[in-house]
Amino acid sequence: MESRSDIVDLRSDTVTQPTAAMRQAMLHAEVGDDVYGEDPTVNALQARVAKDLGFEAALWCPTGTQANLVALLAHGARGDEYLVGMEAHTYKYEGGGAAVLGSIQPQPIPQADDGTMDLAAVERAIKPVDPHFARTRLLCLENTWMGRALPLDYLAAARALCDRRGLALHLDGARLYNAALASNVAPRAITRHVDSVSVCLSKGLGAPAGSVLAGSAQLIDAAKRWRKVCGGGLRQAGILAAAGLHALDHHVARLADDHARAARLAEGLRDAASIRVDACHTNMVFIEVSADRLQALAAHLDAHGIRASIGYLPQVRLVTHLDIDDAGIDRAIDAFHSFK
């Protein structure tokens, strides 16, 4: 049986293992009961994220799905509506939580290849004040989008639209720090445009679990109640929060390594015989494989110790992260080239 060290796992940046230094930080974390608000490490992480991103308050959640869910529940109410991209994570991949648990209706809107929605279409989707319609309260964006950073001028325009029409603006910033690096700006240059943001610590930043929702003190107070309702009231959560603090201290700048390795992977695959490189953005490479060869490719990569998320669609996403080094990139390139 192969050990983890024998595997080059390109499925996602969620598969990372805590580093030795991160494990030490977790081991020595000062903890308390976070449901009582008494975990000092959780409190430190929340204060750190709020300050860094320019918000009044923040709330640690065990998952990114829960962080987005409690944000939607705190922004909206039964019979309200949020506008969202029809391929967005909050709409398509989070179990319909806002609708299921909050009776908040999603209004999906087509997205362009860069993840943006036509803001004119967004404005047309805002419902009039009329008892026939759900009440449009919120616009949700996602950054990065398939590895792409949303353009800063688009964020500014979306903010202006929300201000003009009285909407709140939430950002699913699961890979916010990748977006900031790609845009060559500080993260708060992105978050200054939004009313709330969720930031994932367990993707490129490499923590084993946790996301942080940041917003106004009033919003976070409401979100904290919803977190409890959704089963997210953990006790000595500082063990996990310590991993998040370590990630913010040590794993943000090194995201540049992931971006560089993704670019090298894409370049190395461009002349591979049986695949086509579609795009490379931040830490993601997208390749296309003939649908009838997907399973053959999956078996071939598995035999070479390479893991990739290969399903039934021709497009395959390859993701670099802190557990992928230069040797791993070389192995992946060689494995794809030997697939005939």
Protein backbone atom coordinates (compact mmCIF):
# COMPACT_ATOMS: atom_id res chain seq x y z
CA MET A 1 0.00 0.00 0.00
CA GLU A 2 1.31 3.44 -0.91
CA SER A 3 1.93 5.94 1.86
CA ARG A 4 0.73 9.51 1.63
CA SER A 5 4.27 10.59 0.76
CA ASP A 6 4.05 8.44 -2.39
CA ILE A 7 0.92 10.24 -3.60
CA VAL A 8 0.74 13.50 -5.55
CA ASP A 9 -2.80 14.60 -4.71
CA LEU A 10 -4.06 17.26 -7.13
CA ARG A 11 -7.76 16.86 -6.32
CA SER A 12 -8.07 19.98 -4.17
CA ASP A 13 -6.21 22.25 -1.77
CA THR A 14 -8.48 20.84 0.96
CA VAL A 15 -6.40 17.64 1.19
CA THR A 16 -3.42 19.25 2.91
CA GLN A 17 -2.04 17.80 6.14
CA PRO A 18 -1.17 20.08 9.08
CA THR A 19 2.53 20.84 9.10
CA ALA A 20 4.69 19.86 12.07
CA ALA A 21 4.80 23.50 13.19
CA MET A 22 1.02 23.80 12.90
CA ARG A 23 0.56 20.66 14.96
CA GLN A 24 2.77 22.16 17.66
CA ALA A 25 0.68 25.34 17.65
CA MET A 26 -2.46 23.24 18.06
CA LEU A 27 -0.89 21.17 20.83
CA HIS A 28 -0.01 24.22 22.89
CA ALA A 29 -3.17 26.26 22.19
CA GLU A 30 -4.79 27.96 25.16
CA VAL A 31 -8.44 26.93 25.15
CA GLY A 32 -11.76 27.62 26.84
CA ASP A 33 -15.45 27.09 26.17
CA ASP A 34 -16.22 28.97 22.97
CA VAL A 35 -20.00 28.66 23.38
CA TYR A 36 -19.52 30.90 26.41
CA GLY A 37 -17.18 33.08 24.36
CA GLU A 38 -14.30 32.05 26.62
CA ASP A 39 -11.84 30.42 24.24
CA PRO A 40 -8.93 32.87 24.05
CA THR A 41 -7.46 31.39 20.88
CA VAL A 42 -10.78 31.52 19.02
CA ASN A 43 -11.24 35.10 20.21
CA ALA A 44 -7.74 36.01 19.05
CA LEU A 45 -8.35 34.50 15.61
CA GLN A 46 -11.68 36.29 15.23
CA ALA A 47 -10.18 39.63 16.28
CA ARG A 48 -7.22 39.09 13.94
CA VAL A 49 -9.37 38.38 10.88
CA ALA A 50 -11.77 41.25 11.62
CA LYS A 51 -8.90 43.71 11.96
CA ASP A 52 -6.98 42.44 8.94
CA LEU A 53 -10.04 42.58 6.67
CA GLY A 54 -11.47 45.85 7.97
CA PHE A 55 -14.59 44.68 9.82
CA GLU A 56 -16.00 45.22 13.30
CA ALA A 57 -16.23 41.55 14.23
CA ALA A 58 -15.73 37.99 13.05
CA LEU A 59 -16.95 34.50 13.84
CA TRP A 60 -15.06 31.22 13.55
CA CYS A 61 -17.09 28.38 12.00
CA PRO A 62 -16.05 24.75 11.57
CA THR A 63 -16.72 24.78 7.80
CA GLY A 64 -16.96 27.19 4.91
CA THR A 65 -20.45 25.94 4.10
CA GLN A 66 -21.58 26.85 7.60
CA ALA A 67 -19.90 30.26 7.44
CA ASN A 68 -21.76 31.08 4.23
CA LEU A 69 -25.00 29.63 5.58
CA VAL A 70 -25.02 31.66 8.81
CA ALA A 71 -24.14 34.75 6.77
CA LEU A 72 -27.18 34.23 4.55
CA LEU A 73 -29.40 33.54 7.56
CA ALA A 74 -28.12 36.65 9.32
CA HIS A 75 -28.60 38.87 6.26
CA GLY A 76 -32.02 37.55 5.32
CA ALA A 77 -35.26 36.28 6.80
CA ARG A 78 -38.07 33.95 5.83
CA GLY A 79 -39.49 35.10 2.51
CA ASP A 80 -36.38 37.04 1.51
CA GLU A 81 -34.21 36.40 -1.55
CA TYR A 82 -30.53 36.47 -2.43
CA LEU A 83 -29.11 36.97 -5.94
CA VAL A 84 -26.32 34.54 -6.78
CA GLY A 85 -24.46 33.03 -9.71
CA MET A 86 -26.09 29.85 -10.99
CA GLU A 87 -22.76 27.98 -10.70
CA ALA A 88 -21.78 29.57 -7.38
CA HIS A 89 -20.81 27.42 -4.43
CA THR A 90 -23.39 29.01 -2.14
CA TYR A 91 -26.14 28.13 -4.61
CA LYS A 92 -25.09 24.87 -6.22
CA TYR A 93 -22.79 23.05 -3.82
CA GLU A 94 -23.98 23.81 -0.29
CA GLY A 95 -27.12 21.70 -0.15
CA GLY A 96 -29.54 24.58 -0.65
CA GLY A 97 -29.04 25.46 3.01
CA ALA A 98 -30.48 28.97 2.95
CA ALA A 99 -33.69 27.70 1.34
CA VAL A 100 -33.88 24.51 3.39
CA LEU A 101 -33.14 26.05 6.79
CA GLY A 102 -34.01 29.71 6.39
CA SER A 103 -36.75 29.82 3.73
CA ILE A 104 -34.53 32.31 1.88
CA GLN A 105 -35.04 32.01 -1.86
CA PRO A 106 -32.03 31.96 -4.18
CA GLN A 107 -32.36 33.77 -7.50
CA PRO A 108 -29.65 32.27 -9.73
CA ILE A 109 -28.15 34.43 -12.48
CA PRO A 110 -25.92 33.25 -15.36
CA GLN A 111 -22.21 33.87 -14.95
CA ALA A 112 -19.50 34.72 -17.43
CA ASP A 113 -16.34 32.62 -17.68
CA ASP A 114 -14.63 34.87 -15.13
CA GLY A 115 -17.37 34.31 -12.56
CA THR A 116 -18.94 37.74 -12.90
CA MET A 117 -22.64 38.29 -13.42
CA ASP A 118 -23.86 41.00 -15.76
CA LEU A 119 -24.78 43.71 -13.28
CA ALA A 120 -27.58 44.90 -15.55
CA ALA A 121 -29.04 41.39 -15.31
CA VAL A 122 -28.53 41.48 -11.55
CA GLU A 123 -30.45 44.74 -11.35
CA ARG A 124 -33.26 43.37 -13.50
CA ALA A 125 -33.58 40.43 -11.12
CA ILE A 126 -34.24 42.67 -8.11
CA LYS A 127 -37.91 42.23 -7.25
CA PRO A 128 -40.30 45.16 -6.85
CA VAL A 129 -41.87 45.77 -3.44
CA ASP A 130 -45.00 43.71 -4.00
CA PRO A 131 -46.59 40.87 -2.02
CA HIS A 132 -46.26 38.61 -5.06
CA PHE A 133 -42.48 38.50 -4.75
CA ALA A 134 -39.79 37.46 -2.34
CA ARG A 135 -37.94 40.46 -0.94
CA THR A 136 -34.54 40.87 -2.58
CA ARG A 137 -32.06 41.56 0.21
CA LEU A 138 -28.62 40.35 -0.80
CA LEU A 139 -26.14 39.85 -3.63
CA CYS A 140 -23.58 37.03 -3.25
CA LEU A 141 -20.26 36.90 -5.10
CA GLU A 142 -17.43 34.34 -5.04
CA ASN A 143 -13.66 34.97 -5.09
CA THR A 144 -11.69 33.24 -6.49
CA TRP A 145 -13.88 31.82 -9.21
CA MET A 146 -12.40 28.65 -10.73
CA GLY A 147 -9.08 30.11 -9.74
CA ARG A 148 -9.77 33.53 -11.23
CA ALA A 149 -9.68 36.64 -9.06
CA LEU A 150 -12.73 38.88 -9.53
CA PRO A 151 -11.69 42.21 -11.10
CA LEU A 152 -11.46 44.99 -8.54
CA ASP A 153 -13.45 47.37 -10.75
CA TYR A 154 -16.24 44.78 -10.91
CA LEU A 155 -16.34 44.60 -7.12
CA ALA A 156 -16.57 48.39 -6.97
CA ALA A 157 -19.40 48.40 -9.51
CA ALA A 158 -21.26 45.68 -7.60
CA ARG A 159 -20.89 47.72 -4.42
CA ALA A 160 -22.31 50.78 -6.15
CA LEU A 161 -25.27 48.77 -7.43
CA CYS A 162 -26.00 47.39 -3.96
CA ASP A 163 -25.79 50.86 -2.43
CA ARG A 164 -28.13 52.28 -5.07
CA ARG A 165 -30.70 49.50 -4.66
CA GLY A 166 -30.44 48.94 -0.92
CA LEU A 167 -28.90 45.46 -1.01
CA ALA A 168 -26.26 43.93 1.20
CA LEU A 169 -23.23 42.30 -0.47
CA HIS A 170 -21.72 39.04 0.75
CA LEU A 171 -18.50 37.53 -0.59
CA ASP A 172 -17.77 33.83 -0.47
CA GLY A 173 -14.04 34.46 -0.13
CA ALA A 174 -13.02 30.84 0.32
CA ARG A 175 -9.77 31.61 -1.51
CA LEU A 176 -9.61 35.31 -0.69
CA TYR A 177 -5.87 35.26 -0.07
CA ASN A 178 -5.21 33.63 -3.45
CA ALA A 179 -7.30 36.38 -5.05
CA ALA A 180 -5.42 39.12 -3.21
CA LEU A 181 -2.07 37.67 -4.26
CA ALA A 182 -3.17 37.36 -7.88
CA SER A 183 -4.46 40.96 -7.85
CA ASN A 184 -1.31 42.21 -6.09
CA VAL A 185 -3.34 43.91 -3.36
CA ALA A 186 -3.91 43.47 0.34
CA PRO A 187 -6.98 41.35 1.18
CA ARG A 188 -8.81 44.35 2.61
CA ALA A 189 -8.62 46.05 -0.80
CA ILE A 190 -11.10 43.34 -1.84
CA THR A 191 -13.17 43.13 1.33
CA ARG A 192 -13.70 46.89 1.59
CA HIS A 193 -16.36 46.49 -1.10
CA VAL A 194 -18.52 43.98 0.80
CA ASP A 195 -20.69 43.85 3.90
CA SER A 196 -19.55 40.39 4.89
CA VAL A 197 -16.99 37.83 3.80
CA SER A 198 -16.30 34.19 4.59
CA VAL A 199 -12.65 33.12 4.46
CA CYS A 200 -11.60 29.48 4.39
CA LEU A 201 -8.59 28.43 6.45
CA SER A 202 -8.58 24.80 5.33
CA LYS A 203 -7.88 25.27 1.62
CA GLY A 204 -4.68 26.96 0.46
CA LEU A 205 -3.84 28.09 3.98
CA GLY A 206 -3.61 24.49 5.08
CA ALA A 207 -5.50 24.37 8.39
CA PRO A 208 -7.32 21.09 9.09
CA ALA A 209 -10.70 22.82 9.54
CA GLY A 210 -12.35 26.18 9.93
CA SER A 211 -13.58 29.28 8.16
CA VAL A 212 -14.11 32.79 9.50
CA LEU A 213 -17.08 35.03 8.73
CA ALA A 214 -16.41 38.77 9.11
CA GLY A 215 -18.88 41.65 9.11
CA SER A 216 -20.51 44.25 11.29
CA ALA A 217 -20.93 43.60 15.00
CA GLN A 218 -24.69 43.36 14.52
CA LEU A 219 -24.39 40.84 11.69
CA ILE A 220 -21.90 38.69 13.57
CA ASP A 221 -24.10 38.70 16.67
CA ALA A 222 -26.97 37.32 14.56
CA ALA A 223 -24.66 34.86 12.81
CA LYS A 224 -23.43 33.54 16.15
CA ARG A 225 -26.97 32.60 17.12
CA TRP A 226 -27.49 30.88 13.76
CA ARG A 227 -24.19 29.04 14.15
CA LYS A 228 -25.54 27.56 17.39
CA VAL A 229 -28.83 26.64 15.69
CA CYS A 230 -26.87 24.91 12.92
CA GLY A 231 -24.87 22.86 15.40
CA GLY A 232 -21.68 24.88 15.15
CA GLY A 233 -21.29 25.75 18.82
CA LEU A 234 -18.02 23.95 19.57
CA ARG A 235 -16.38 23.99 22.99
CA GLN A 236 -12.57 24.02 23.16
CA ALA A 237 -12.30 25.06 19.52
CA GLY A 238 -9.05 26.91 20.17
CA ILE A 239 -7.16 23.78 19.13
CA LEU A 240 -8.48 24.34 15.61
CA ALA A 241 -8.32 28.14 15.81
CA ALA A 242 -4.62 27.85 16.63
CA ALA A 243 -4.11 26.13 13.29
CA GLY A 244 -5.86 29.07 11.62
CA LEU A 245 -3.66 31.62 13.37
CA HIS A 246 -0.56 29.66 12.39
CA ALA A 247 -1.78 29.55 8.79
CA LEU A 248 -2.29 33.32 8.69
CA ASP A 249 1.19 33.87 10.13
CA HIS A 250 3.06 31.38 7.96
CA HIS A 251 1.07 30.22 4.94
CA VAL A 252 -0.22 33.34 3.21
CA ALA A 253 2.94 34.52 1.45
CA ARG A 254 3.78 30.97 0.37
CA LEU A 255 0.59 30.82 -1.74
CA ALA A 256 2.85 32.33 -4.42
CA ASP A 257 4.61 28.94 -4.56
CA ASP A 258 1.30 27.23 -5.34
CA HIS A 259 0.56 29.74 -8.11
CA ALA A 260 4.02 29.28 -9.60
CA ARG A 261 3.76 25.48 -9.49
CA ALA A 262 0.34 25.58 -11.13
CA ALA A 263 1.80 27.69 -13.94
CA ARG A 264 4.69 25.22 -14.33
CA LEU A 265 2.26 22.29 -14.37
CA ALA A 266 0.15 23.96 -17.05
CA GLU A 267 3.21 24.70 -19.17
CA GLY A 268 4.47 21.15 -18.76
CA LEU A 269 1.16 19.70 -19.93
CA ARG A 270 0.69 21.87 -23.02
CA ASP A 271 2.32 19.38 -25.36
CA ALA A 272 0.91 16.24 -23.72
CA ALA A 273 -0.67 14.08 -26.40
CA SER A 274 -4.04 13.11 -24.95
CA ILE A 275 -5.12 16.20 -23.03
CA ARG A 276 -5.62 19.89 -23.67
CA VAL A 277 -4.82 22.66 -21.20
CA ASP A 278 -7.78 25.03 -21.05
CA ALA A 279 -6.67 27.53 -18.41
CA CYS A 280 -4.43 28.20 -15.45
CA HIS A 281 -5.38 30.69 -12.74
CA THR A 282 -3.80 31.06 -9.29
CA ASN A 283 -3.40 27.49 -7.97
CA MET A 284 -5.70 25.77 -10.45
CA VAL A 285 -5.07 24.17 -13.83
CA PHE A 286 -7.99 23.09 -16.00
CA ILE A 287 -7.45 20.41 -18.61
CA GLU A 288 -9.81 18.76 -21.09
CA VAL A 289 -9.89 15.03 -21.78
CA SER A 290 -12.05 13.15 -24.22
CA ALA A 291 -15.08 11.89 -22.29
CA ASP A 292 -14.55 8.32 -23.45
CA ARG A 293 -11.01 8.34 -22.02
CA LEU A 294 -11.73 9.73 -18.58
CA GLN A 295 -11.75 6.42 -16.75
CA ALA A 296 -8.64 5.23 -18.57
CA LEU A 297 -6.88 8.41 -17.47
CA ALA A 298 -8.05 7.93 -13.88
CA ALA A 299 -6.65 4.39 -13.84
CA HIS A 300 -3.40 5.50 -15.45
CA LEU A 301 -2.84 8.31 -12.96
CA ASP A 302 -3.71 6.04 -10.04
CA ALA A 303 -1.10 3.56 -11.20
CA HIS A 304 1.46 6.37 -11.14
CA GLY A 305 0.49 7.66 -7.70
CA ILE A 306 -1.31 10.75 -9.01
CA ARG A 307 -4.76 11.71 -7.78
CA ALA A 308 -7.10 13.98 -9.70
CA SER A 309 -10.83 14.69 -9.48
CA ILE A 310 -11.96 12.81 -12.56
CA GLY A 311 -15.68 12.27 -12.89
CA TYR A 312 -17.96 12.28 -15.91
CA LEU A 313 -17.18 15.73 -17.33
CA PRO A 314 -14.37 16.26 -19.86
CA GLN A 315 -12.91 19.19 -17.90
CA VAL A 316 -10.64 18.18 -15.02
CA ARG A 317 -9.35 20.54 -12.34
CA LEU A 318 -5.82 20.11 -10.96
CA VAL A 319 -5.03 22.05 -7.78
CA THR A 320 -1.64 22.81 -6.26
CA HIS A 321 -1.14 23.32 -2.54
CA LEU A 322 1.44 23.23 0.24
CA ASP A 323 1.80 19.43 0.07
CA ILE A 324 2.77 19.57 -3.62
CA ASP A 325 6.46 20.30 -4.20
CA ASP A 326 8.51 20.66 -7.37
CA ALA A 327 9.19 16.92 -7.50
CA GLY A 328 5.44 16.28 -7.34
CA ILE A 329 4.85 18.60 -10.27
CA ASP A 330 7.51 16.74 -12.26
CA ARG A 331 5.89 13.40 -11.45
CA ALA A 332 2.48 14.68 -12.52
CA ILE A 333 3.82 16.03 -15.81
CA ASP A 334 5.56 12.74 -16.55
CA ALA A 335 2.43 10.73 -15.73
CA PHE A 336 0.22 12.79 -18.04
CA HIS A 337 2.79 12.59 -20.84
CA SER A 338 2.91 8.80 -20.60
CA PHE A 339 -0.86 8.58 -21.06
CA LYS A 340 -1.45 7.63 -24.69
